[in-house]
């Protein structure tokens, strides 16, 4: 899925939609691929300041999905250019 298609799908998502997100988890030098399936609780665009030596008015945002899994667990997935979102 192209980046433009992913952004369009993210814009169309509503609370209650069932989705599957294929993404990569990185911790230190380790990384693994995982799939998260569940119901969208909310979507948001979060501002953060994780970048070193950026201008104070240079805003950086991340697209975030809060998903409720079948077990009731809430999980937050930050989407990047490698994430794949499918509406089920």
PDB file of N, CA and C in Angstrom:
ATOM      1  N   UNK A   1       0.856  -1.179   0.000  1.00  0.00           N
ATOM      2  CA  UNK A   1       0.000   0.000   0.000  1.00  0.00           C
ATOM      3  C   UNK A   1       0.897   1.235   0.000  1.00  0.00           C
ATOM      4  N   UNK A   2       0.614   2.162  -0.887  1.00  0.00           N
ATOM      5  CA  UNK A   2       1.395   3.390  -0.985  1.00  0.00           C
ATOM      6  C   UNK A   2       1.092   4.305   0.199  1.00  0.00           C
ATOM      7  N   UNK A   3       2.021   5.211   0.469  1.00  0.00           N
ATOM      8  CA  UNK A   3       1.881   6.132   1.596  1.00  0.00           C
ATOM      9  C   UNK A   3       0.607   6.970   1.462  1.00  0.00           C
ATOM     10  N   UNK A   4       0.306   7.432   0.259  1.00  0.00           N
ATOM     11  CA  UNK A   4      -0.896   8.255   0.051  1.00  0.00           C
ATOM     12  C   UNK A   4      -2.168   7.466   0.362  1.00  0.00           C
ATOM     13  N   UNK A   5      -2.200   6.197  -0.042  1.00  0.00           N
ATOM     14  CA  UNK A   5      -3.366   5.353   0.247  1.00  0.00           C
ATOM     15  C   UNK A   5      -3.517   5.121   1.740  1.00  0.00           C
ATOM     16  N   UNK A   6      -2.379   4.947   2.422  1.00  0.00           N
ATOM     17  CA  UNK A   6      -2.402   4.726   3.870  1.00  0.00           C
ATOM     18  C   UNK A   6      -2.941   5.956   4.592  1.00  0.00           C
ATOM     19  N   UNK A   7      -2.501   7.136   4.174  1.00  0.00           N
ATOM     20  CA  UNK A   7      -2.978   8.375   4.795  1.00  0.00           C
ATOM     21  C   UNK A   7      -4.473   8.570   4.542  1.00  0.00           C
ATOM     22  N   UNK A   8      -4.918   8.202   3.353  1.00  0.00           N
ATOM     23  CA  UNK A   8      -6.341   8.314   3.029  1.00  0.00           C
ATOM     24  C   UNK A   8      -7.168   7.360   3.895  1.00  0.00           C
ATOM     25  N   UNK A   9      -6.690   6.132   4.059  1.00  0.00           N
ATOM     26  CA  UNK A   9      -7.387   5.165   4.910  1.00  0.00           C
ATOM     27  C   UNK A   9      -7.406   5.642   6.359  1.00  0.00           C
ATOM     28  N   UNK A  10      -6.285   6.189   6.844  1.00  0.00           N
ATOM     29  CA  UNK A  10      -6.222   6.709   8.212  1.00  0.00           C
ATOM     30  C   UNK A  10      -7.262   7.813   8.403  1.00  0.00           C
ATOM     31  N   UNK A  11      -7.410   8.684   7.412  1.00  0.00           N
ATOM     32  CA  UNK A  11      -8.378   9.781   7.504  1.00  0.00           C
ATOM     33  C   UNK A  11      -9.813   9.259   7.542  1.00  0.00           C
ATOM     34  N   UNK A  12     -10.075   8.129   6.878  1.00  0.00           N
ATOM     35  CA  UNK A  12     -11.429   7.572   6.814  1.00  0.00           C
ATOM     36  C   UNK A  12     -11.807   6.742   8.033  1.00  0.00           C
ATOM     37  N   UNK A  13     -10.833   6.292   8.810  1.00  0.00           N
ATOM     38  CA  UNK A  13     -11.125   5.422   9.953  1.00  0.00           C
ATOM     39  C   UNK A  13     -11.975   6.135  10.992  1.00  0.00           C
ATOM     40  N   UNK A  14     -12.917   5.389  11.557  1.00  0.00           N
ATOM     41  CA  UNK A  14     -13.790   5.901  12.606  1.00  0.00           C
ATOM     42  C   UNK A  14     -13.708   4.970  13.806  1.00  0.00           C
ATOM     43  N   UNK A  15     -14.052   5.490  14.972  1.00  0.00           N
ATOM     44  CA  UNK A  15     -14.116   4.644  16.169  1.00  0.00           C
ATOM     45  C   UNK A  15     -15.109   3.518  15.912  1.00  0.00           C
ATOM     46  N   UNK A  16     -14.709   2.297  16.252  1.00  0.00           N
ATOM     47  CA  UNK A  16     -15.558   1.134  16.040  1.00  0.00           C
ATOM     48  C   UNK A  16     -15.171   0.316  14.824  1.00  0.00           C
ATOM     49  N   UNK A  17     -14.376   0.893  13.909  1.00  0.00           N
ATOM     50  CA  UNK A  17     -13.916   0.137  12.742  1.00  0.00           C
ATOM     51  C   UNK A  17     -12.959  -0.960  13.183  1.00  0.00           C
ATOM     52  N   UNK A  18     -13.059  -2.111  12.533  1.00  0.00           N
ATOM     53  CA  UNK A  18     -12.160  -3.228  12.827  1.00  0.00           C
ATOM     54  C   UNK A  18     -10.991  -3.161  11.847  1.00  0.00           C
ATOM     55  N   UNK A  19      -9.763  -3.213  12.370  1.00  0.00           N
ATOM     56  CA  UNK A  19      -8.573  -3.064  11.537  1.00  0.00           C
ATOM     57  C   UNK A  19      -7.527  -4.126  11.857  1.00  0.00           C
ATOM     58  N   UNK A  20      -6.626  -4.300  10.898  1.00  0.00           N
ATOM     59  CA  UNK A  20      -5.436  -5.130  11.077  1.00  0.00           C
ATOM     60  C   UNK A  20      -4.249  -4.245  10.732  1.00  0.00           C
ATOM     61  N   UNK A  21      -3.293  -4.141  11.652  1.00  0.00           N
ATOM     62  CA  UNK A  21      -2.101  -3.323  11.435  1.00  0.00           C
ATOM     63  C   UNK A  21      -0.883  -4.239  11.469  1.00  0.00           C
ATOM     64  N   UNK A  22      -0.158  -4.283  10.354  1.00  0.00           N
ATOM     65  CA  UNK A  22       1.105  -5.011  10.286  1.00  0.00           C
ATOM     66  C   UNK A  22       2.204  -3.978  10.458  1.00  0.00           C
ATOM     67  N   UNK A  23       3.036  -4.158  11.487  1.00  0.00           N
ATOM     68  CA  UNK A  23       4.058  -3.155  11.769  1.00  0.00           C
ATOM     69  C   UNK A  23       5.293  -3.799  12.369  1.00  0.00           C
ATOM     70  N   UNK A  24       6.332  -2.997  12.489  1.00  0.00           N
ATOM     71  CA  UNK A  24       7.607  -3.472  13.021  1.00  0.00           C
ATOM     72  C   UNK A  24       7.830  -2.855  14.394  1.00  0.00           C
ATOM     73  N   UNK A  25       8.257  -3.675  15.336  1.00  0.00           N
ATOM     74  CA  UNK A  25       8.563  -3.209  16.690  1.00  0.00           C
ATOM     75  C   UNK A  25      10.079  -3.210  16.840  1.00  0.00           C
ATOM     76  N   UNK A  26      10.625  -2.094  17.328  1.00  0.00           N
ATOM     77  CA  UNK A  26      12.072  -1.991  17.524  1.00  0.00           C
ATOM     78  C   UNK A  26      12.365  -1.674  18.982  1.00  0.00           C
ATOM     79  N   UNK A  27      13.259  -2.452  19.574  1.00  0.00           N
ATOM     80  CA  UNK A  27      13.725  -2.215  20.936  1.00  0.00           C
ATOM     81  C   UNK A  27      15.234  -2.397  20.907  1.00  0.00           C
ATOM     82  N   UNK A  28      15.952  -1.292  21.080  1.00  0.00           N
ATOM     83  CA  UNK A  28      17.412  -1.375  20.989  1.00  0.00           C
ATOM     84  C   UNK A  28      17.824  -1.793  19.590  1.00  0.00           C
ATOM     85  N   UNK A  29      18.662  -2.820  19.501  1.00  0.00           N
ATOM     86  CA  UNK A  29      19.111  -3.314  18.204  1.00  0.00           C
ATOM     87  C   UNK A  29      18.242  -4.456  17.683  1.00  0.00           C
ATOM     88  N   UNK A  30      17.240  -4.840  18.458  1.00  0.00           N
ATOM     89  CA  UNK A  30      16.359  -5.926  18.036  1.00  0.00           C
ATOM     90  C   UNK A  30      15.112  -5.361  17.371  1.00  0.00           C
ATOM     91  N   UNK A  31      14.586  -6.105  16.421  1.00  0.00           N
ATOM     92  CA  UNK A  31      13.326  -5.716  15.790  1.00  0.00           C
ATOM     93  C   UNK A  31      12.596  -6.972  15.344  1.00  0.00           C
ATOM     94  N   UNK A  32      11.274  -6.877  15.321  1.00  0.00           N
ATOM     95  CA  UNK A  32      10.452  -7.988  14.871  1.00  0.00           C
ATOM     96  C   UNK A  32       9.164  -7.441  14.285  1.00  0.00           C
ATOM     97  N   UNK A  33       8.556  -8.241  13.426  1.00  0.00           N
ATOM     98  CA  UNK A  33       7.296  -7.865  12.787  1.00  0.00           C
ATOM     99  C   UNK A  33       6.144  -8.472  13.573  1.00  0.00           C
ATOM    100  N   UNK A  34       5.074  -7.712  13.671  1.00  0.00           N
ATOM    101  CA  UNK A  34       3.905  -8.192  14.404  1.00  0.00           C
ATOM    102  C   UNK A  34       2.629  -7.680  13.736  1.00  0.00           C
ATOM    103  N   UNK A  35       1.547  -8.321  14.062  1.00  0.00           N
ATOM    104  CA  UNK A  35       0.235  -7.935  13.542  1.00  0.00           C
ATOM    105  C   UNK A  35      -0.687  -7.663  14.723  1.00  0.00           C
ATOM    106  N   UNK A  36      -1.367  -6.529  14.677  1.00  0.00           N
ATOM    107  CA  UNK A  36      -2.325  -6.163  15.716  1.00  0.00           C
ATOM    108  C   UNK A  36      -3.702  -6.075  15.071  1.00  0.00           C
ATOM    109  N   UNK A  37      -4.651  -6.820  15.616  1.00  0.00           N
ATOM    110  CA  UNK A  37      -6.018  -6.827  15.095  1.00  0.00           C
ATOM    111  C   UNK A  37      -6.959  -6.400  16.213  1.00  0.00           C
ATOM    112  N   UNK A  38      -7.880  -5.508  15.883  1.00  0.00           N
ATOM    113  CA  UNK A  38      -8.845  -5.081  16.883  1.00  0.00           C
ATOM    114  C   UNK A  38      -9.736  -3.969  16.380  1.00  0.00           C
ATOM    115  N   UNK A  39     -10.446  -3.365  17.327  1.00  0.00           N
ATOM    116  CA  UNK A  39     -11.409  -2.308  17.035  1.00  0.00           C
ATOM    117  C   UNK A  39     -10.776  -0.959  17.366  1.00  0.00           C
ATOM    118  N   UNK A  40     -10.913   0.007  16.466  1.00  0.00           N
ATOM    119  CA  UNK A  40     -10.363   1.343  16.683  1.00  0.00           C
ATOM    120  C   UNK A  40     -11.149   2.029  17.798  1.00  0.00           C
ATOM    121  N   UNK A  41     -10.442   2.446  18.837  1.00  0.00           N
ATOM    122  CA  UNK A  41     -11.057   3.219  19.917  1.00  0.00           C
ATOM    123  C   UNK A  41     -10.996   4.697  19.547  1.00  0.00           C
ATOM    124  N   UNK A  42      -9.831   5.128  19.081  1.00  0.00           N
ATOM    125  CA  UNK A  42      -9.666   6.505  18.589  1.00  0.00           C
ATOM    126  C   UNK A  42      -8.408   6.584  17.739  1.00  0.00           C
ATOM    127  N   UNK A  43      -8.350   7.617  16.961  1.00  0.00           N
ATOM    128  CA  UNK A  43      -7.156   7.908  16.176  1.00  0.00           C
ATOM    129  C   UNK A  43      -6.755   9.337  16.499  1.00  0.00           C
ATOM    130  N   UNK A  44      -5.490   9.598  16.441  1.00  0.00           N
ATOM    131  CA  UNK A  44      -5.033  10.956  16.740  1.00  0.00           C
ATOM    132  C   UNK A  44      -3.709  11.229  16.059  1.00  0.00           C
ATOM    133  N   UNK A  45      -3.407  12.481  15.949  1.00  0.00           N
ATOM    134  CA  UNK A  45      -2.118  12.923  15.436  1.00  0.00           C
ATOM    135  C   UNK A  45      -1.419  13.600  16.614  1.00  0.00           C
ATOM    136  N   UNK A  46      -0.398  12.924  17.158  1.00  0.00           N
ATOM    137  CA  UNK A  46       0.292  13.418  18.350  1.00  0.00           C
ATOM    138  C   UNK A  46       1.533  14.206  17.972  1.00  0.00           C
ATOM    139  N   UNK A  47       1.693  15.313  18.647  1.00  0.00           N
ATOM    140  CA  UNK A  47       2.902  16.108  18.468  1.00  0.00           C
ATOM    141  C   UNK A  47       3.947  15.598  19.449  1.00  0.00           C
ATOM    142  N   UNK A  48       5.172  15.484  18.988  1.00  0.00           N
ATOM    143  CA  UNK A  48       6.239  15.051  19.885  1.00  0.00           C
ATOM    144  C   UNK A  48       7.513  15.817  19.570  1.00  0.00           C
ATOM    145  N   UNK A  49       8.483  15.671  20.442  1.00  0.00           N
ATOM    146  CA  UNK A  49       9.755  16.393  20.275  1.00  0.00           C
ATOM    147  C   UNK A  49      10.906  15.414  20.457  1.00  0.00           C
ATOM    148  N   UNK A  50      10.880  14.343  19.681  1.00  0.00           N
ATOM    149  CA  UNK A  50      11.889  13.305  19.820  1.00  0.00           C
ATOM    150  C   UNK A  50      13.133  13.563  18.976  1.00  0.00           C
ATOM    151  N   UNK A  51      13.152  14.646  18.245  1.00  0.00           N
ATOM    152  CA  UNK A  51      14.252  14.880  17.320  1.00  0.00           C
ATOM    153  C   UNK A  51      15.263  15.859  17.915  1.00  0.00           C
ATOM    154  N   UNK A  52      16.493  15.555  17.763  1.00  0.00           N
ATOM    155  CA  UNK A  52      17.589  16.328  18.336  1.00  0.00           C
ATOM    156  C   UNK A  52      17.872  17.548  17.471  1.00  0.00           C
ATOM    157  N   UNK A  53      18.057  18.681  18.121  1.00  0.00           N
ATOM    158  CA  UNK A  53      18.449  19.938  17.476  1.00  0.00           C
ATOM    159  C   UNK A  53      17.505  20.379  16.363  1.00  0.00           C
ATOM    160  N   UNK A  54      16.246  20.382  16.665  1.00  0.00           N
ATOM    161  CA  UNK A  54      15.270  20.913  15.714  1.00  0.00           C
ATOM    162  C   UNK A  54      14.864  22.301  16.184  1.00  0.00           C
ATOM    163  N   UNK A  55      14.455  23.107  15.262  1.00  0.00           N
ATOM    164  CA  UNK A  55      13.971  24.434  15.575  1.00  0.00           C
ATOM    165  C   UNK A  55      12.712  24.291  16.439  1.00  0.00           C
ATOM    166  N   UNK A  56      12.539  25.176  17.394  1.00  0.00           N
ATOM    167  CA  UNK A  56      11.414  25.050  18.333  1.00  0.00           C
ATOM    168  C   UNK A  56      10.056  25.154  17.645  1.00  0.00           C
ATOM    169  N   UNK A  57       9.966  25.838  16.505  1.00  0.00           N
ATOM    170  CA  UNK A  57       8.680  25.940  15.816  1.00  0.00           C
ATOM    171  C   UNK A  57       8.544  24.906  14.692  1.00  0.00           C
ATOM    172  N   UNK A  58       9.487  23.985  14.592  1.00  0.00           N
ATOM    173  CA  UNK A  58       9.423  22.910  13.604  1.00  0.00           C
ATOM    174  C   UNK A  58       8.676  21.741  14.236  1.00  0.00           C
ATOM    175  N   UNK A  59       7.392  21.664  13.972  1.00  0.00           N
ATOM    176  CA  UNK A  59       6.543  20.684  14.645  1.00  0.00           C
ATOM    177  C   UNK A  59       6.640  19.312  13.971  1.00  0.00           C
ATOM    178  N   UNK A  60       6.702  18.265  14.789  1.00  0.00           N
ATOM    179  CA  UNK A  60       6.781  16.892  14.304  1.00  0.00           C
ATOM    180  C   UNK A  60       5.577  16.132  14.859  1.00  0.00           C
ATOM    181  N   UNK A  61       4.863  15.420  13.989  1.00  0.00           N
ATOM    182  CA  UNK A  61       3.659  14.705  14.386  1.00  0.00           C
ATOM    183  C   UNK A  61       3.764  13.234  14.020  1.00  0.00           C
ATOM    184  N   UNK A  62       3.040  12.401  14.748  1.00  0.00           N
ATOM    185  CA  UNK A  62       2.919  10.976  14.440  1.00  0.00           C
ATOM    186  C   UNK A  62       1.440  10.611  14.420  1.00  0.00           C
ATOM    187  N   UNK A  63       1.063   9.763  13.464  1.00  0.00           N
ATOM    188  CA  UNK A  63      -0.298   9.237  13.416  1.00  0.00           C
ATOM    189  C   UNK A  63      -0.378   8.039  14.346  1.00  0.00           C
ATOM    190  N   UNK A  64      -1.382   8.034  15.213  1.00  0.00           N
ATOM    191  CA  UNK A  64      -1.501   7.013  16.254  1.00  0.00           C
ATOM    192  C   UNK A  64      -2.908   6.413  16.227  1.00  0.00           C
ATOM    193  N   UNK A  65      -2.969   5.085  16.356  1.00  0.00           N
ATOM    194  CA  UNK A  65      -4.241   4.383  16.521  1.00  0.00           C
ATOM    195  C   UNK A  65      -4.268   3.748  17.900  1.00  0.00           C
ATOM    196  N   UNK A  66      -5.351   3.965  18.630  1.00  0.00           N
ATOM    197  CA  UNK A  66      -5.579   3.246  19.885  1.00  0.00           C
ATOM    198  C   UNK A  66      -6.569   2.148  19.535  1.00  0.00           C
ATOM    199  N   UNK A  67      -6.133   0.891  19.734  1.00  0.00           N
ATOM    200  CA  UNK A  67      -6.900  -0.270  19.300  1.00  0.00           C
ATOM    201  C   UNK A  67      -7.254  -1.133  20.503  1.00  0.00           C
ATOM    202  N   UNK A  68      -8.501  -1.607  20.532  1.00  0.00           N
ATOM    203  CA  UNK A  68      -8.927  -2.554  21.563  1.00  0.00           C
ATOM    204  C   UNK A  68      -8.911  -3.946  20.950  1.00  0.00           C
ATOM    205  N   UNK A  69      -8.076  -4.819  21.530  1.00  0.00           N
ATOM    206  CA  UNK A  69      -7.977  -6.195  21.045  1.00  0.00           C
ATOM    207  C   UNK A  69      -9.178  -7.006  21.512  1.00  0.00           C
ATOM    208  N   UNK A  70      -9.298  -8.225  20.996  1.00  0.00           N
ATOM    209  CA  UNK A  70     -10.408  -9.115  21.361  1.00  0.00           C
ATOM    210  C   UNK A  70     -10.469  -9.360  22.865  1.00  0.00           C
ATOM    211  N   UNK A  71      -9.313  -9.400  23.523  1.00  0.00           N
ATOM    212  CA  UNK A  71      -9.256  -9.671  24.964  1.00  0.00           C
ATOM    213  C   UNK A  71      -9.678  -8.468  25.805  1.00  0.00           C
ATOM    214  N   UNK A  72      -9.894  -7.311  25.157  1.00  0.00           N
ATOM    215  CA  UNK A  72     -10.245  -6.100  25.882  1.00  0.00           C
ATOM    216  C   UNK A  72      -9.052  -5.203  26.143  1.00  0.00           C
ATOM    217  N   UNK A  73      -7.858  -5.713  25.879  1.00  0.00           N
ATOM    218  CA  UNK A  73      -6.622  -4.945  26.084  1.00  0.00           C
ATOM    219  C   UNK A  73      -6.572  -3.771  25.111  1.00  0.00           C
ATOM    220  N   UNK A  74      -6.177  -2.606  25.621  1.00  0.00           N
ATOM    221  CA  UNK A  74      -5.969  -1.435  24.775  1.00  0.00           C
ATOM    222  C   UNK A  74      -4.500  -1.359  24.400  1.00  0.00           C
ATOM    223  N   UNK A  75      -4.224  -1.113  23.132  1.00  0.00           N
ATOM    224  CA  UNK A  75      -2.848  -0.971  22.680  1.00  0.00           C
ATOM    225  C   UNK A  75      -2.755   0.236  21.760  1.00  0.00           C
ATOM    226  N   UNK A  76      -1.623   0.904  21.794  1.00  0.00           N
ATOM    227  CA  UNK A  76      -1.383   2.081  20.969  1.00  0.00           C
ATOM    228  C   UNK A  76      -0.362   1.731  19.905  1.00  0.00           C
ATOM    229  N   UNK A  77      -0.700   2.001  18.647  1.00  0.00           N
ATOM    230  CA  UNK A  77       0.203   1.722  17.531  1.00  0.00           C
ATOM    231  C   UNK A  77       0.522   3.042  16.845  1.00  0.00           C
ATOM    232  N   UNK A  78       1.806   3.379  16.792  1.00  0.00           N
ATOM    233  CA  UNK A  78       2.258   4.556  16.063  1.00  0.00           C
ATOM    234  C   UNK A  78       2.578   4.127  14.642  1.00  0.00           C
ATOM    235  N   UNK A  79       1.945   4.762  13.682  1.00  0.00           N
ATOM    236  CA  UNK A  79       2.108   4.375  12.286  1.00  0.00           C
ATOM    237  C   UNK A  79       3.300   5.096  11.669  1.00  0.00           C
ATOM    238  N   UNK A  80       4.060   4.362  10.864  1.00  0.00           N
ATOM    239  CA  UNK A  80       5.141   4.971  10.103  1.00  0.00           C
ATOM    240  C   UNK A  80       4.994   4.565   8.643  1.00  0.00           C
ATOM    241  N   UNK A  81       5.968   4.902   7.820  1.00  0.00           N
ATOM    242  CA  UNK A  81       5.856   4.631   6.386  1.00  0.00           C
ATOM    243  C   UNK A  81       5.897   3.140   6.053  1.00  0.00           C
ATOM    244  N   UNK A  82       6.286   2.305   7.007  1.00  0.00           N
ATOM    245  CA  UNK A  82       6.359   0.867   6.770  1.00  0.00           C
ATOM    246  C   UNK A  82       5.146   0.114   7.314  1.00  0.00           C
ATOM    247  N   UNK A  83       4.286   0.789   8.059  1.00  0.00           N
ATOM    248  CA  UNK A  83       3.085   0.151   8.621  1.00  0.00           C
ATOM    249  C   UNK A  83       2.061  -0.092   7.516  1.00  0.00           C
ATOM    250  N   UNK A  84       1.359  -1.208   7.628  1.00  0.00           N
ATOM    251  CA  UNK A  84       0.292  -1.547   6.685  1.00  0.00           C
ATOM    252  C   UNK A  84      -1.011  -1.657   7.472  1.00  0.00           C
ATOM    253  N   UNK A  85      -2.002  -0.864   7.091  1.00  0.00           N
ATOM    254  CA  UNK A  85      -3.299  -0.875   7.768  1.00  0.00           C
ATOM    255  C   UNK A  85      -4.340  -1.426   6.803  1.00  0.00           C
ATOM    256  N   UNK A  86      -5.132  -2.384   7.286  1.00  0.00           N
ATOM    257  CA  UNK A  86      -6.219  -2.955   6.490  1.00  0.00           C
ATOM    258  C   UNK A  86      -7.503  -2.843   7.294  1.00  0.00           C
ATOM    259  N   UNK A  87      -8.542  -2.373   6.644  1.00  0.00           N
ATOM    260  CA  UNK A  87      -9.853  -2.306   7.283  1.00  0.00           C
ATOM    261  C   UNK A  87     -10.537  -3.647   7.064  1.00  0.00           C
ATOM    262  N   UNK A  88     -10.970  -4.291   8.147  1.00  0.00           N
ATOM    263  CA  UNK A  88     -11.592  -5.621   8.048  1.00  0.00           C
ATOM    264  C   UNK A  88     -13.102  -5.527   8.012  1.00  0.00           C
TER     265      UNK A  88
END
